[in-house]
Amino acid sequence: TFVDDLQKQGVVKEWADEFSLYDGTEFHNVDPNAD
């Protein structure tokens, strides 16, 4: 509820819903194990 109010005020925004992954040897555009 607090974050929703900050969005309406133009203080915060949605950024991303998934990140890339470096598994120790390879780079993946999307983390296949993340929710």
PDB file of all heavy atoms in Angstrom:
ATOM      1  N   THR A   1       0.835  -1.205   0.000  1.00  0.00           N
ATOM      2  CA  THR A   1       0.000   0.000   0.000  1.00  0.00           C
ATOM      3  C   THR A   1       0.869   1.254   0.000  1.00  0.00           C
ATOM      4  O   THR A   1       0.579   2.231  -0.709  1.00  0.00           O
ATOM      5  CB  THR A   1      -0.934   0.004   1.226  1.00  0.00           C
ATOM      6  OG1 THR A   1      -1.770  -1.162   1.167  1.00  0.00           O
ATOM      7  CG2 THR A   1      -1.790   1.251   1.268  1.00  0.00           C
ATOM      8  N   PHE A   2       1.945   1.221   0.789  1.00  0.00           N
ATOM      9  CA  PHE A   2       2.879   2.350   0.851  1.00  0.00           C
ATOM     10  C   PHE A   2       3.542   2.574  -0.500  1.00  0.00           C
ATOM     11  O   PHE A   2       3.636   3.713  -0.990  1.00  0.00           O
ATOM     12  CB  PHE A   2       3.925   2.064   1.933  1.00  0.00           C
ATOM     13  CG  PHE A   2       5.042   3.071   2.010  1.00  0.00           C
ATOM     14  CD1 PHE A   2       4.819   4.352   2.478  1.00  0.00           C
ATOM     15  CD2 PHE A   2       6.331   2.727   1.622  1.00  0.00           C
ATOM     16  CE1 PHE A   2       5.848   5.282   2.554  1.00  0.00           C
ATOM     17  CE2 PHE A   2       7.365   3.642   1.699  1.00  0.00           C
ATOM     18  CZ  PHE A   2       7.124   4.918   2.162  1.00  0.00           C
ATOM     19  N   VAL A   3       3.992   1.496  -1.142  1.00  0.00           N
ATOM     20  CA  VAL A   3       4.664   1.605  -2.438  1.00  0.00           C
ATOM     21  C   VAL A   3       3.689   2.090  -3.514  1.00  0.00           C
ATOM     22  O   VAL A   3       4.050   2.903  -4.366  1.00  0.00           O
ATOM     23  CB  VAL A   3       5.304   0.257  -2.834  1.00  0.00           C
ATOM     24  CG1 VAL A   3       5.815   0.285  -4.273  1.00  0.00           C
ATOM     25  CG2 VAL A   3       6.459  -0.073  -1.884  1.00  0.00           C
ATOM     26  N   ASP A   4       2.457   1.598  -3.466  1.00  0.00           N
ATOM     27  CA  ASP A   4       1.444   2.076  -4.419  1.00  0.00           C
ATOM     28  C   ASP A   4       1.251   3.586  -4.309  1.00  0.00           C
ATOM     29  O   ASP A   4       1.125   4.293  -5.322  1.00  0.00           O
ATOM     30  CB  ASP A   4       0.100   1.376  -4.166  1.00  0.00           C
ATOM     31  CG  ASP A   4       0.091  -0.060  -4.657  1.00  0.00           C
ATOM     32  OD1 ASP A   4       1.008  -0.443  -5.422  1.00  0.00           O
ATOM     33  OD2 ASP A   4      -0.813  -0.818  -4.254  1.00  0.00           O
ATOM     34  N   ASP A   5       1.248   4.085  -3.073  1.00  0.00           N
ATOM     35  CA  ASP A   5       1.085   5.525  -2.857  1.00  0.00           C
ATOM     36  C   ASP A   5       2.290   6.288  -3.398  1.00  0.00           C
ATOM     37  O   ASP A   5       2.136   7.356  -4.013  1.00  0.00           O
ATOM     38  CB  ASP A   5       0.896   5.803  -1.367  1.00  0.00           C
ATOM     39  CG  ASP A   5       0.565   7.260  -1.084  1.00  0.00           C
ATOM     40  OD1 ASP A   5      -0.363   7.787  -1.727  1.00  0.00           O
ATOM     41  OD2 ASP A   5       1.239   7.877  -0.239  1.00  0.00           O
ATOM     42  N   LEU A   6       3.501   5.731  -3.207  1.00  0.00           N
ATOM     43  CA  LEU A   6       4.703   6.383  -3.735  1.00  0.00           C
ATOM     44  C   LEU A   6       4.700   6.391  -5.262  1.00  0.00           C
ATOM     45  O   LEU A   6       5.191   7.338  -5.885  1.00  0.00           O
ATOM     46  CB  LEU A   6       5.956   5.672  -3.216  1.00  0.00           C
ATOM     47  CG  LEU A   6       6.283   5.836  -1.733  1.00  0.00           C
ATOM     48  CD1 LEU A   6       7.552   5.065  -1.392  1.00  0.00           C
ATOM     49  CD2 LEU A   6       6.457   7.307  -1.349  1.00  0.00           C
ATOM     50  N   GLN A   7       4.144   5.344  -5.863  1.00  0.00           N
ATOM     51  CA  GLN A   7       4.023   5.324  -7.325  1.00  0.00           C
ATOM     52  C   GLN A   7       3.125   6.452  -7.813  1.00  0.00           C
ATOM     53  O   GLN A   7       3.439   7.135  -8.791  1.00  0.00           O
ATOM     54  CB  GLN A   7       3.468   3.983  -7.787  1.00  0.00           C
ATOM     55  CG  GLN A   7       4.496   2.860  -7.863  1.00  0.00           C
ATOM     56  CD  GLN A   7       3.908   1.623  -8.502  1.00  0.00           C
ATOM     57  OE1 GLN A   7       3.227   0.836  -7.857  1.00  0.00           O
ATOM     58  NE2 GLN A   7       4.155   1.460  -9.785  1.00  0.00           N
ATOM     59  N   LYS A   8       2.012   6.639  -7.131  1.00  0.00           N
ATOM     60  CA  LYS A   8       1.080   7.697  -7.522  1.00  0.00           C
ATOM     61  C   LYS A   8       1.714   9.075  -7.389  1.00  0.00           C
ATOM     62  O   LYS A   8       1.395  10.000  -8.144  1.00  0.00           O
ATOM     63  CB  LYS A   8      -0.182   7.620  -6.665  1.00  0.00           C
ATOM     64  CG  LYS A   8      -1.018   6.381  -6.915  1.00  0.00           C
ATOM     65  CD  LYS A   8      -2.176   6.292  -5.932  1.00  0.00           C
ATOM     66  CE  LYS A   8      -2.962   4.998  -6.115  1.00  0.00           C
ATOM     67  NZ  LYS A   8      -4.042   4.858  -5.091  1.00  0.00           N
ATOM     68  N   GLN A   9       2.640   9.210  -6.421  1.00  0.00           N
ATOM     69  CA  GLN A   9       3.312  10.491  -6.201  1.00  0.00           C
ATOM     70  C   GLN A   9       4.517  10.683  -7.125  1.00  0.00           C
ATOM     71  O   GLN A   9       5.158  11.732  -7.100  1.00  0.00           O
ATOM     72  CB  GLN A   9       3.768  10.598  -4.745  1.00  0.00           C
ATOM     73  CG  GLN A   9       2.643  10.574  -3.729  1.00  0.00           C
ATOM     74  CD  GLN A   9       3.185  10.571  -2.310  1.00  0.00           C
ATOM     75  OE1 GLN A   9       4.024  11.385  -1.949  1.00  0.00           O
ATOM     76  NE2 GLN A   9       2.698   9.655  -1.484  1.00  0.00           N
ATOM     77  N   GLY A  10       4.841   9.670  -7.915  1.00  0.00           N
ATOM     78  CA  GLY A  10       5.979   9.769  -8.819  1.00  0.00           C
ATOM     79  C   GLY A  10       7.319   9.626  -8.128  1.00  0.00           C
ATOM     80  O   GLY A  10       8.334  10.150  -8.615  1.00  0.00           O
ATOM     81  N   VAL A  11       7.357   8.898  -7.007  1.00  0.00           N
ATOM     82  CA  VAL A  11       8.607   8.700  -6.265  1.00  0.00           C
ATOM     83  C   VAL A  11       9.269   7.376  -6.658  1.00  0.00           C
ATOM     84  O   VAL A  11      10.490   7.287  -6.770  1.00  0.00           O
ATOM     85  CB  VAL A  11       8.355   8.732  -4.741  1.00  0.00           C
ATOM     86  CG1 VAL A  11       9.644   8.451  -3.963  1.00  0.00           C
ATOM     87  CG2 VAL A  11       7.783  10.079  -4.335  1.00  0.00           C
ATOM     88  N   VAL A  12       8.487   6.320  -6.850  1.00  0.00           N
ATOM     89  CA  VAL A  12       9.035   5.022  -7.234  1.00  0.00           C
ATOM     90  C   VAL A  12       8.346   4.536  -8.506  1.00  0.00           C
ATOM     91  O   VAL A  12       7.294   5.043  -8.905  1.00  0.00           O
ATOM     92  CB  VAL A  12       8.882   3.963  -6.117  1.00  0.00           C
ATOM     93  CG1 VAL A  12       9.476   4.455  -4.812  1.00  0.00           C
ATOM     94  CG2 VAL A  12       7.425   3.559  -5.941  1.00  0.00           C
ATOM     95  N   LYS A  13       8.944   3.531  -9.132  1.00  0.00           N
ATOM     96  CA  LYS A  13       8.377   2.950 -10.349  1.00  0.00           C
ATOM     97  C   LYS A  13       8.737   1.467 -10.413  1.00  0.00           C
ATOM     98  O   LYS A  13       9.649   0.988  -9.740  1.00  0.00           O
ATOM     99  CB  LYS A  13       8.919   3.656 -11.587  1.00  0.00           C
ATOM    100  CG  LYS A  13      10.406   3.413 -11.824  1.00  0.00           C
ATOM    101  CD  LYS A  13      10.885   4.045 -13.126  1.00  0.00           C
ATOM    102  CE  LYS A  13      12.367   3.748 -13.369  1.00  0.00           C
ATOM    103  NZ  LYS A  13      12.844   4.322 -14.658  1.00  0.00           N
ATOM    104  N   GLU A  14       8.011   0.742 -11.236  1.00  0.00           N
ATOM    105  CA  GLU A  14       8.372  -0.633 -11.537  1.00  0.00           C
ATOM    106  C   GLU A  14       9.622  -0.615 -12.403  1.00  0.00           C
ATOM    107  O   GLU A  14       9.745   0.198 -13.325  1.00  0.00           O
ATOM    108  CB  GLU A  14       7.225  -1.329 -12.270  1.00  0.00           C
ATOM    109  CG  GLU A  14       5.967  -1.484 -11.426  1.00  0.00           C
ATOM    110  CD  GLU A  14       4.841  -2.157 -12.184  1.00  0.00           C
ATOM    111  OE1 GLU A  14       4.981  -2.326 -13.416  1.00  0.00           O
ATOM    112  OE2 GLU A  14       3.826  -2.517 -11.564  1.00  0.00           O
ATOM    113  N   TRP A  15      10.553  -1.520 -12.094  1.00  0.00           N
ATOM    114  CA  TRP A  15      11.825  -1.531 -12.819  1.00  0.00           C
ATOM    115  C   TRP A  15      11.963  -2.769 -13.695  1.00  0.00           C
ATOM    116  O   TRP A  15      12.134  -2.677 -14.907  1.00  0.00           O
ATOM    117  CB  TRP A  15      12.982  -1.436 -11.828  1.00  0.00           C
ATOM    118  CG  TRP A  15      14.352  -1.515 -12.442  1.00  0.00           C
ATOM    119  CD1 TRP A  15      14.746  -0.982 -13.633  1.00  0.00           C
ATOM    120  CD2 TRP A  15      15.506  -2.151 -11.897  1.00  0.00           C
ATOM    121  NE1 TRP A  15      16.081  -1.238 -13.866  1.00  0.00           N
ATOM    122  CE2 TRP A  15      16.570  -1.957 -12.805  1.00  0.00           C
ATOM    123  CE3 TRP A  15      15.753  -2.852 -10.732  1.00  0.00           C
ATOM    124  CZ2 TRP A  15      17.857  -2.452 -12.578  1.00  0.00           C
ATOM    125  CZ3 TRP A  15      17.026  -3.335 -10.490  1.00  0.00           C
ATOM    126  CH2 TRP A  15      18.078  -3.139 -11.411  1.00  0.00           C
ATOM    127  N   ALA A  16      11.888  -3.954 -13.093  1.00  0.00           N
ATOM    128  CA  ALA A  16      12.097  -5.194 -13.835  1.00  0.00           C
ATOM    129  C   ALA A  16      11.411  -6.330 -13.104  1.00  0.00           C
ATOM    130  O   ALA A  16      11.185  -6.267 -11.893  1.00  0.00           O
ATOM    131  CB  ALA A  16      13.595  -5.481 -13.971  1.00  0.00           C
ATOM    132  N   ASP A  17      11.075  -7.384 -13.848  1.00  0.00           N
ATOM    133  CA  ASP A  17      10.484  -8.563 -13.209  1.00  0.00           C
ATOM    134  C   ASP A  17      11.368  -9.789 -13.358  1.00  0.00           C
ATOM    135  O   ASP A  17      10.995 -10.891 -12.946  1.00  0.00           O
ATOM    136  CB  ASP A  17       9.080  -8.847 -13.746  1.00  0.00           C
ATOM    137  CG  ASP A  17       9.068  -9.065 -15.256  1.00  0.00           C
ATOM    138  OD1 ASP A  17      10.153  -9.057 -15.876  1.00  0.00           O
ATOM    139  OD2 ASP A  17       7.968  -9.242 -15.805  1.00  0.00           O
ATOM    140  N   GLU A  18      12.548  -9.625 -13.957  1.00  0.00           N
ATOM    141  CA  GLU A  18      13.507 -10.721 -14.058  1.00  0.00           C
ATOM    142  C   GLU A  18      14.908 -10.145 -14.275  1.00  0.00           C
ATOM    143  O   GLU A  18      15.069  -9.076 -14.864  1.00  0.00           O
ATOM    144  CB  GLU A  18      13.141 -11.667 -15.207  1.00  0.00           C
ATOM    145  CG  GLU A  18      13.023 -10.967 -16.554  1.00  0.00           C
ATOM    146  CD  GLU A  18      12.512 -11.889 -17.645  1.00  0.00           C
ATOM    147  OE1 GLU A  18      11.945 -12.950 -17.304  1.00  0.00           O
ATOM    148  OE2 GLU A  18      12.668 -11.545 -18.827  1.00  0.00           O
ATOM    149  N   PHE A  19      15.902 -10.858 -13.781  1.00  0.00           N
ATOM    150  CA  PHE A  19      17.295 -10.445 -13.921  1.00  0.00           C
ATOM    151  C   PHE A  19      18.072 -11.491 -14.713  1.00  0.00           C
ATOM    152  O   PHE A  19      17.637 -12.632 -14.860  1.00  0.00           O
ATOM    153  CB  PHE A  19      17.952 -10.278 -12.547  1.00  0.00           C
ATOM    154  CG  PHE A  19      17.427  -9.108 -11.750  1.00  0.00           C
ATOM    155  CD1 PHE A  19      17.475  -9.130 -10.368  1.00  0.00           C
ATOM    156  CD2 PHE A  19      16.905  -7.988 -12.371  1.00  0.00           C
ATOM    157  CE1 PHE A  19      17.000  -8.067  -9.620  1.00  0.00           C
ATOM    158  CE2 PHE A  19      16.417  -6.914 -11.638  1.00  0.00           C
ATOM    159  CZ  PHE A  19      16.479  -6.955 -10.255  1.00  0.00           C
ATOM    160  N   SER A  20      19.238 -11.080 -15.172  1.00  0.00           N
ATOM    161  CA  SER A  20      20.160 -12.014 -15.811  1.00  0.00           C
ATOM    162  C   SER A  20      20.899 -12.805 -14.729  1.00  0.00           C
ATOM    163  O   SER A  20      20.782 -12.500 -13.532  1.00  0.00           O
ATOM    164  CB  SER A  20      21.141 -11.256 -16.699  1.00  0.00           C
ATOM    165  OG  SER A  20      20.458 -10.513 -17.690  1.00  0.00           O
ATOM    166  N   LEU A  21      21.666 -13.782 -15.153  1.00  0.00           N
ATOM    167  CA  LEU A  21      22.376 -14.648 -14.208  1.00  0.00           C
ATOM    168  C   LEU A  21      23.759 -14.998 -14.743  1.00  0.00           C
ATOM    169  O   LEU A  21      23.913 -15.332 -15.928  1.00  0.00           O
ATOM    170  CB  LEU A  21      21.594 -15.940 -13.971  1.00  0.00           C
ATOM    171  CG  LEU A  21      22.318 -17.039 -13.169  1.00  0.00           C
ATOM    172  CD1 LEU A  21      22.478 -16.625 -11.708  1.00  0.00           C
ATOM    173  CD2 LEU A  21      21.576 -18.374 -13.267  1.00  0.00           C
ATOM    174  N   TYR A  22      24.751 -14.903 -13.859  1.00  0.00           N
ATOM    175  CA  TYR A  22      26.067 -15.473 -14.125  1.00  0.00           C
ATOM    176  C   TYR A  22      26.235 -16.625 -13.147  1.00  0.00           C
ATOM    177  O   TYR A  22      26.309 -16.415 -11.929  1.00  0.00           O
ATOM    178  CB  TYR A  22      27.176 -14.431 -13.934  1.00  0.00           C
ATOM    179  CG  TYR A  22      28.558 -14.989 -14.168  1.00  0.00           C
ATOM    180  CD1 TYR A  22      29.021 -15.216 -15.462  1.00  0.00           C
ATOM    181  CD2 TYR A  22      29.393 -15.296 -13.104  1.00  0.00           C
ATOM    182  CE1 TYR A  22      30.284 -15.735 -15.684  1.00  0.00           C
ATOM    183  CE2 TYR A  22      30.655 -15.816 -13.308  1.00  0.00           C
ATOM    184  CZ  TYR A  22      31.093 -16.042 -14.603  1.00  0.00           C
ATOM    185  OH  TYR A  22      32.340 -16.560 -14.809  1.00  0.00           O
ATOM    186  N   ASP A  23      26.252 -17.865 -13.648  1.00  0.00           N
ATOM    187  CA  ASP A  23      26.224 -19.040 -12.778  1.00  0.00           C
ATOM    188  C   ASP A  23      27.597 -19.515 -12.325  1.00  0.00           C
ATOM    189  O   ASP A  23      27.735 -20.573 -11.713  1.00  0.00           O
ATOM    190  CB  ASP A  23      25.480 -20.190 -13.465  1.00  0.00           C
ATOM    191  CG  ASP A  23      26.179 -20.669 -14.740  1.00  0.00           C
ATOM    192  OD1 ASP A  23      27.327 -20.235 -15.006  1.00  0.00           O
ATOM    193  OD2 ASP A  23      25.574 -21.479 -15.480  1.00  0.00           O
ATOM    194  N   GLY A  24      28.615 -18.728 -12.605  1.00  0.00           N
ATOM    195  CA  GLY A  24      29.977 -19.099 -12.242  1.00  0.00           C
ATOM    196  C   GLY A  24      30.824 -19.426 -13.453  1.00  0.00           C
ATOM    197  O   GLY A  24      32.051 -19.317 -13.418  1.00  0.00           O
ATOM    198  N   THR A  25      30.159 -19.795 -14.538  1.00  0.00           N
ATOM    199  CA  THR A  25      30.873 -20.096 -15.786  1.00  0.00           C
ATOM    200  C   THR A  25      30.212 -19.455 -17.003  1.00  0.00           C
ATOM    201  O   THR A  25      30.888 -19.075 -17.947  1.00  0.00           O
ATOM    202  CB  THR A  25      30.949 -21.617 -16.017  1.00  0.00           C
ATOM    203  OG1 THR A  25      29.624 -22.158 -15.998  1.00  0.00           O
ATOM    204  CG2 THR A  25      31.796 -22.295 -14.938  1.00  0.00           C
ATOM    205  N   GLU A  26      28.881 -19.326 -16.965  1.00  0.00           N
ATOM    206  CA  GLU A  26      28.162 -18.813 -18.129  1.00  0.00           C
ATOM    207  C   GLU A  26      27.229 -17.664 -17.756  1.00  0.00           C
ATOM    208  O   GLU A  26      26.727 -17.594 -16.630  1.00  0.00           O
ATOM    209  CB  GLU A  26      27.322 -19.919 -18.779  1.00  0.00           C
ATOM    210  CG  GLU A  26      28.122 -21.017 -19.429  1.00  0.00           C
ATOM    211  CD  GLU A  26      27.202 -22.004 -20.129  1.00  0.00           C
ATOM    212  OE1 GLU A  26      26.603 -21.626 -21.173  1.00  0.00           O
ATOM    213  OE2 GLU A  26      27.057 -23.128 -19.638  1.00  0.00           O
ATOM    214  N   PHE A  27      26.991 -16.809 -18.754  1.00  0.00           N
ATOM    215  CA  PHE A  27      26.038 -15.717 -18.608  1.00  0.00           C
ATOM    216  C   PHE A  27      24.704 -16.142 -19.230  1.00  0.00           C
ATOM    217  O   PHE A  27      24.668 -16.639 -20.357  1.00  0.00           O
ATOM    218  CB  PHE A  27      26.562 -14.456 -19.307  1.00  0.00           C
ATOM    219  CG  PHE A  27      25.606 -13.293 -19.276  1.00  0.00           C
ATOM    220  CD1 PHE A  27      25.605 -12.406 -18.215  1.00  0.00           C
ATOM    221  CD2 PHE A  27      24.701 -13.088 -20.313  1.00  0.00           C
ATOM    222  CE1 PHE A  27      24.728 -11.326 -18.179  1.00  0.00           C
ATOM    223  CE2 PHE A  27      23.818 -12.018 -20.299  1.00  0.00           C
ATOM    224  CZ  PHE A  27      23.835 -11.134 -19.227  1.00  0.00           C
ATOM    225  N   HIS A  28      23.604 -15.947 -18.483  1.00  0.00           N
ATOM    226  CA  HIS A  28      22.266 -16.244 -18.980  1.00  0.00           C
ATOM    227  C   HIS A  28      21.462 -14.942 -18.999  1.00  0.00           C
ATOM    228  O   HIS A  28      21.449 -14.202 -18.019  1.00  0.00           O
ATOM    229  CB  HIS A  28      21.561 -17.252 -18.069  1.00  0.00           C
ATOM    230  CG  HIS A  28      22.327 -18.530 -17.879  1.00  0.00           C
ATOM    231  ND1 HIS A  28      22.147 -19.628 -18.699  1.00  0.00           N
ATOM    232  CD2 HIS A  28      23.286 -18.875 -16.985  1.00  0.00           C
ATOM    233  CE1 HIS A  28      22.947 -20.606 -18.294  1.00  0.00           C
ATOM    234  NE2 HIS A  28      23.654 -20.175 -17.263  1.00  0.00           N
ATOM    235  N   ASN A  29      20.784 -14.681 -20.106  1.00  0.00           N
ATOM    236  CA  ASN A  29      19.988 -13.454 -20.209  1.00  0.00           C
ATOM    237  C   ASN A  29      18.914 -13.373 -19.136  1.00  0.00           C
ATOM    238  O   ASN A  29      18.572 -12.296 -18.657  1.00  0.00           O
ATOM    239  CB  ASN A  29      19.344 -13.356 -21.591  1.00  0.00           C
ATOM    240  CG  ASN A  29      20.363 -13.011 -22.660  1.00  0.00           C
ATOM    241  OD1 ASN A  29      21.308 -12.256 -22.403  1.00  0.00           O
ATOM    242  ND2 ASN A  29      20.198 -13.564 -23.846  1.00  0.00           N
ATOM    243  N   VAL A  30      18.369 -14.529 -18.763  1.00  0.00           N
ATOM    244  CA  VAL A  30      17.346 -14.609 -17.728  1.00  0.00           C
ATOM    245  C   VAL A  30      17.716 -15.735 -16.772  1.00  0.00           C
ATOM    246  O   VAL A  30      18.141 -16.811 -17.204  1.00  0.00           O
ATOM    247  CB  VAL A  30      15.945 -14.877 -18.326  1.00  0.00           C
ATOM    248  CG1 VAL A  30      14.909 -15.032 -17.220  1.00  0.00           C
ATOM    249  CG2 VAL A  30      15.543 -13.755 -19.271  1.00  0.00           C
ATOM    250  N   ASP A  31      17.583 -15.485 -15.466  1.00  0.00           N
ATOM    251  CA  ASP A  31      17.828 -16.511 -14.468  1.00  0.00           C
ATOM    252  C   ASP A  31      16.746 -17.591 -14.590  1.00  0.00           C
ATOM    253  O   ASP A  31      15.576 -17.337 -14.294  1.00  0.00           O
ATOM    254  CB  ASP A  31      17.796 -15.885 -13.068  1.00  0.00           C
ATOM    255  CG  ASP A  31      18.116 -16.886 -11.971  1.00  0.00           C
ATOM    256  OD1 ASP A  31      18.174 -18.095 -12.252  1.00  0.00           O
ATOM    257  OD2 ASP A  31      18.308 -16.447 -10.814  1.00  0.00           O
ATOM    258  N   PRO A  32      17.108 -18.798 -15.026  1.00  0.00           N
ATOM    259  CA  PRO A  32      16.077 -19.821 -15.260  1.00  0.00           C
ATOM    260  C   PRO A  32      15.468 -20.373 -13.982  1.00  0.00           C
ATOM    261  O   PRO A  32      14.401 -21.007 -14.035  1.00  0.00           O
ATOM    262  CB  PRO A  32      16.853 -20.911 -16.016  1.00  0.00           C
ATOM    263  CG  PRO A  32      18.272 -20.733 -15.575  1.00  0.00           C
ATOM    264  CD  PRO A  32      18.457 -19.262 -15.362  1.00  0.00           C
ATOM    265  N   ASN A  33      16.101 -20.136 -12.848  1.00  0.00           N
ATOM    266  CA  ASN A  33      15.624 -20.702 -11.589  1.00  0.00           C
ATOM    267  C   ASN A  33      14.855 -19.713 -10.723  1.00  0.00           C
ATOM    268  O   ASN A  33      14.346 -20.086  -9.667  1.00  0.00           O
ATOM    269  CB  ASN A  33      16.812 -21.251 -10.782  1.00  0.00           C
ATOM    270  CG  ASN A  33      17.598 -22.292 -11.549  1.00  0.00           C
ATOM    271  OD1 ASN A  33      17.015 -23.193 -12.140  1.00  0.00           O
ATOM    272  ND2 ASN A  33      18.923 -22.153 -11.552  1.00  0.00           N
ATOM    273  N   ALA A  34      14.770 -18.474 -11.165  1.00  0.00           N
ATOM    274  CA  ALA A  34      14.140 -17.441 -10.333  1.00  0.00           C
ATOM    275  C   ALA A  34      12.629 -17.414 -10.538  1.00  0.00           C
ATOM    276  O   ALA A  34      12.130 -17.639 -11.646  1.00  0.00           O
ATOM    277  CB  ALA A  34      14.727 -16.072 -10.658  1.00  0.00           C
ATOM    278  N   ASP A  35      11.907 -17.146  -9.449  1.00  0.00           N
ATOM    279  CA  ASP A  35      10.474 -16.919  -9.537  1.00  0.00           C
ATOM    280  C   ASP A  35      10.240 -15.470  -9.963  1.00  0.00           C
ATOM    281  O   ASP A  35      10.753 -14.557  -9.315  1.00  0.00           O
ATOM    282  CB  ASP A  35       9.791 -17.175  -8.189  1.00  0.00           C
ATOM    283  CG  ASP A  35       9.881 -18.630  -7.764  1.00  0.00           C
ATOM    284  OD1 ASP A  35       9.854 -19.491  -8.665  1.00  0.00           O
ATOM    285  OD2 ASP A  35       9.978 -18.893  -6.544  1.00  0.00           O
TER     286      ASP A  35
END
